[in-house]
């Protein structure tokens, strides 16, 4: 058992920081059932966006892939650098391959 408080604090800080990290988009799209109905945090650049008033969607790309984000809070413009938090939704699965995986946005932040 570890008896020094400094070691416990360092361990706790490491666990908290790793829990707050961003998920690579390719990890979500390659195994969407692992992330289904779970909150994820991604960051990247908006490549496409569409919407009217406060609803719509946009596509985010990081260095590993792209994913669509469904938003009820407004849509950032194409080319924006964003961080997104939301819940993963799966689309249709055909022969073990998932089509239409997306994130239902809880919030986003334009950098």
C-alpha atoms as a PDB file:
ATOM      1  CA  UNK A   1       0.000   0.000   0.000  1.00  0.00           C
ATOM      2  CA  UNK A   2       1.217   3.505  -0.824  1.00  0.00           C
ATOM      3  CA  UNK A   3       1.606   5.597   2.319  1.00  0.00           C
ATOM      4  CA  UNK A   4       2.800   8.933   0.949  1.00  0.00           C
ATOM      5  CA  UNK A   5       0.038  11.494   0.219  1.00  0.00           C
ATOM      6  CA  UNK A   6       2.047  13.024  -2.639  1.00  0.00           C
ATOM      7  CA  UNK A   7       1.976   9.740  -4.536  1.00  0.00           C
ATOM      8  CA  UNK A   8      -1.791   9.447  -4.048  1.00  0.00           C
ATOM      9  CA  UNK A   9      -2.310  13.005  -5.305  1.00  0.00           C
ATOM     10  CA  UNK A  10      -0.159  12.375  -8.380  1.00  0.00           C
ATOM     11  CA  UNK A  11      -2.089   9.180  -9.137  1.00  0.00           C
ATOM     12  CA  UNK A  12      -5.433  10.925  -8.699  1.00  0.00           C
ATOM     13  CA  UNK A  13      -4.386  13.832 -10.943  1.00  0.00           C
ATOM     14  CA  UNK A  14      -3.283  11.408 -13.662  1.00  0.00           C
ATOM     15  CA  UNK A  15      -6.604   9.581 -13.555  1.00  0.00           C
ATOM     16  CA  UNK A  16      -8.619  12.808 -13.703  1.00  0.00           C
ATOM     17  CA  UNK A  17      -6.622  14.207 -16.612  1.00  0.00           C
ATOM     18  CA  UNK A  18      -6.892  11.003 -18.609  1.00  0.00           C
ATOM     19  CA  UNK A  19     -10.673  10.961 -18.063  1.00  0.00           C
ATOM     20  CA  UNK A  20     -11.013  14.496 -19.465  1.00  0.00           C
ATOM     21  CA  UNK A  21      -9.071  13.853 -22.671  1.00  0.00           C
ATOM     22  CA  UNK A  22     -10.359  13.922 -26.219  1.00  0.00           C
ATOM     23  CA  UNK A  23     -11.307  10.769 -28.095  1.00  0.00           C
ATOM     24  CA  UNK A  24      -9.929  10.313 -31.598  1.00  0.00           C
ATOM     25  CA  UNK A  25     -12.753  10.227 -34.127  1.00  0.00           C
ATOM     26  CA  UNK A  26     -11.406   7.028 -35.722  1.00  0.00           C
ATOM     27  CA  UNK A  27     -11.792   5.226 -32.379  1.00  0.00           C
ATOM     28  CA  UNK A  28     -15.489   6.141 -32.333  1.00  0.00           C
ATOM     29  CA  UNK A  29     -16.187   5.288 -35.972  1.00  0.00           C
ATOM     30  CA  UNK A  30     -14.212   2.025 -35.946  1.00  0.00           C
ATOM     31  CA  UNK A  31     -16.050   0.656 -32.881  1.00  0.00           C
ATOM     32  CA  UNK A  32     -19.263   2.677 -32.455  1.00  0.00           C
ATOM     33  CA  UNK A  33     -20.987   0.085 -30.259  1.00  0.00           C
ATOM     34  CA  UNK A  34     -18.298   0.661 -27.612  1.00  0.00           C
ATOM     35  CA  UNK A  35     -19.238   4.367 -27.456  1.00  0.00           C
ATOM     36  CA  UNK A  36     -23.010   4.131 -28.101  1.00  0.00           C
ATOM     37  CA  UNK A  37     -24.976   6.247 -25.607  1.00  0.00           C
ATOM     38  CA  UNK A  38     -21.751   7.390 -23.921  1.00  0.00           C
ATOM     39  CA  UNK A  39     -20.472  10.936 -23.661  1.00  0.00           C
ATOM     40  CA  UNK A  40     -17.375  11.682 -25.718  1.00  0.00           C
ATOM     41  CA  UNK A  41     -15.229  14.745 -26.261  1.00  0.00           C
ATOM     42  CA  UNK A  42     -13.693  15.369 -29.687  1.00  0.00           C
ATOM     43  CA  UNK A  43     -11.795  18.252 -31.209  1.00  0.00           C
ATOM     44  CA  UNK A  44     -11.100  19.166 -34.790  1.00  0.00           C
ATOM     45  CA  UNK A  45     -11.994  21.405 -37.685  1.00  0.00           C
ATOM     46  CA  UNK A  46     -15.508  21.836 -39.111  1.00  0.00           C
ATOM     47  CA  UNK A  47     -15.466  20.635 -42.732  1.00  0.00           C
ATOM     48  CA  UNK A  48     -19.184  20.949 -43.563  1.00  0.00           C
ATOM     49  CA  UNK A  49     -22.073  22.627 -41.803  1.00  0.00           C
ATOM     50  CA  UNK A  50     -25.776  23.076 -42.441  1.00  0.00           C
ATOM     51  CA  UNK A  51     -28.625  24.423 -40.420  1.00  0.00           C
ATOM     52  CA  UNK A  52     -31.434  26.845 -39.904  1.00  0.00           C
ATOM     53  CA  UNK A  53     -31.758  29.108 -36.883  1.00  0.00           C
ATOM     54  CA  UNK A  54     -30.557  27.053 -33.891  1.00  0.00           C
ATOM     55  CA  UNK A  55     -30.652  23.507 -35.284  1.00  0.00           C
ATOM     56  CA  UNK A  56     -28.621  21.606 -37.822  1.00  0.00           C
ATOM     57  CA  UNK A  57     -25.496  19.583 -38.132  1.00  0.00           C
ATOM     58  CA  UNK A  58     -21.853  19.747 -39.014  1.00  0.00           C
ATOM     59  CA  UNK A  59     -18.969  17.450 -39.759  1.00  0.00           C
ATOM     60  CA  UNK A  60     -15.822  17.525 -37.611  1.00  0.00           C
ATOM     61  CA  UNK A  61     -12.485  16.205 -38.817  1.00  0.00           C
ATOM     62  CA  UNK A  62      -9.409  15.446 -36.729  1.00  0.00           C
ATOM     63  CA  UNK A  63      -6.181  13.801 -37.873  1.00  0.00           C
ATOM     64  CA  UNK A  64      -7.828  10.368 -37.705  1.00  0.00           C
ATOM     65  CA  UNK A  65     -11.219  10.804 -39.416  1.00  0.00           C
ATOM     66  CA  UNK A  66     -14.558  12.593 -39.701  1.00  0.00           C
ATOM     67  CA  UNK A  67     -17.862  12.392 -37.841  1.00  0.00           C
ATOM     68  CA  UNK A  68     -21.191  14.201 -38.055  1.00  0.00           C
ATOM     69  CA  UNK A  69     -22.502  16.201 -35.122  1.00  0.00           C
ATOM     70  CA  UNK A  70     -26.220  16.898 -34.659  1.00  0.00           C
ATOM     71  CA  UNK A  71     -26.860  20.213 -32.890  1.00  0.00           C
ATOM     72  CA  UNK A  72     -29.816  22.010 -31.346  1.00  0.00           C
ATOM     73  CA  UNK A  73     -27.606  24.898 -30.183  1.00  0.00           C
ATOM     74  CA  UNK A  74     -26.478  26.467 -33.423  1.00  0.00           C
ATOM     75  CA  UNK A  75     -23.876  25.365 -35.910  1.00  0.00           C
ATOM     76  CA  UNK A  76     -20.277  26.600 -36.168  1.00  0.00           C
ATOM     77  CA  UNK A  77     -19.155  27.718 -39.613  1.00  0.00           C
ATOM     78  CA  UNK A  78     -16.990  25.630 -41.929  1.00  0.00           C
ATOM     79  CA  UNK A  79     -13.289  26.013 -41.178  1.00  0.00           C
ATOM     80  CA  UNK A  80     -13.830  26.666 -37.450  1.00  0.00           C
ATOM     81  CA  UNK A  81     -11.716  24.816 -34.916  1.00  0.00           C
ATOM     82  CA  UNK A  82     -14.044  23.281 -32.306  1.00  0.00           C
ATOM     83  CA  UNK A  83     -14.273  21.064 -29.277  1.00  0.00           C
ATOM     84  CA  UNK A  84     -17.469  19.038 -28.978  1.00  0.00           C
ATOM     85  CA  UNK A  85     -19.048  17.099 -26.123  1.00  0.00           C
ATOM     86  CA  UNK A  86     -21.967  14.818 -26.788  1.00  0.00           C
ATOM     87  CA  UNK A  87     -23.489  11.359 -26.926  1.00  0.00           C
ATOM     88  CA  UNK A  88     -22.629   8.864 -29.653  1.00  0.00           C
ATOM     89  CA  UNK A  89     -25.547   7.595 -31.742  1.00  0.00           C
ATOM     90  CA  UNK A  90     -25.271   4.644 -34.112  1.00  0.00           C
ATOM     91  CA  UNK A  91     -26.916   4.450 -37.469  1.00  0.00           C
ATOM     92  CA  UNK A  92     -27.627   1.326 -39.446  1.00  0.00           C
ATOM     93  CA  UNK A  93     -25.290  -1.693 -39.372  1.00  0.00           C
ATOM     94  CA  UNK A  94     -24.883  -3.823 -42.502  1.00  0.00           C
ATOM     95  CA  UNK A  95     -22.699  -6.943 -42.451  1.00  0.00           C
ATOM     96  CA  UNK A  96     -20.906  -5.779 -39.314  1.00  0.00           C
ATOM     97  CA  UNK A  97     -20.145  -2.307 -40.690  1.00  0.00           C
ATOM     98  CA  UNK A  98     -21.798   0.732 -39.156  1.00  0.00           C
ATOM     99  CA  UNK A  99     -23.065   3.566 -41.324  1.00  0.00           C
ATOM    100  CA  UNK A 100     -24.169   6.902 -39.988  1.00  0.00           C
ATOM    101  CA  UNK A 101     -22.438   7.105 -36.620  1.00  0.00           C
ATOM    102  CA  UNK A 102     -22.907  10.617 -35.231  1.00  0.00           C
ATOM    103  CA  UNK A 103     -22.636  12.652 -32.046  1.00  0.00           C
ATOM    104  CA  UNK A 104     -25.713  14.292 -30.499  1.00  0.00           C
ATOM    105  CA  UNK A 105     -24.123  17.485 -29.226  1.00  0.00           C
ATOM    106  CA  UNK A 106     -24.455  18.606 -25.630  1.00  0.00           C
ATOM    107  CA  UNK A 107     -22.247  21.610 -26.264  1.00  0.00           C
ATOM    108  CA  UNK A 108     -19.446  22.878 -28.448  1.00  0.00           C
ATOM    109  CA  UNK A 109     -16.803  25.535 -28.126  1.00  0.00           C
ATOM    110  CA  UNK A 110     -15.240  27.385 -31.044  1.00  0.00           C
ATOM    111  CA  UNK A 111     -11.545  27.978 -30.439  1.00  0.00           C
END
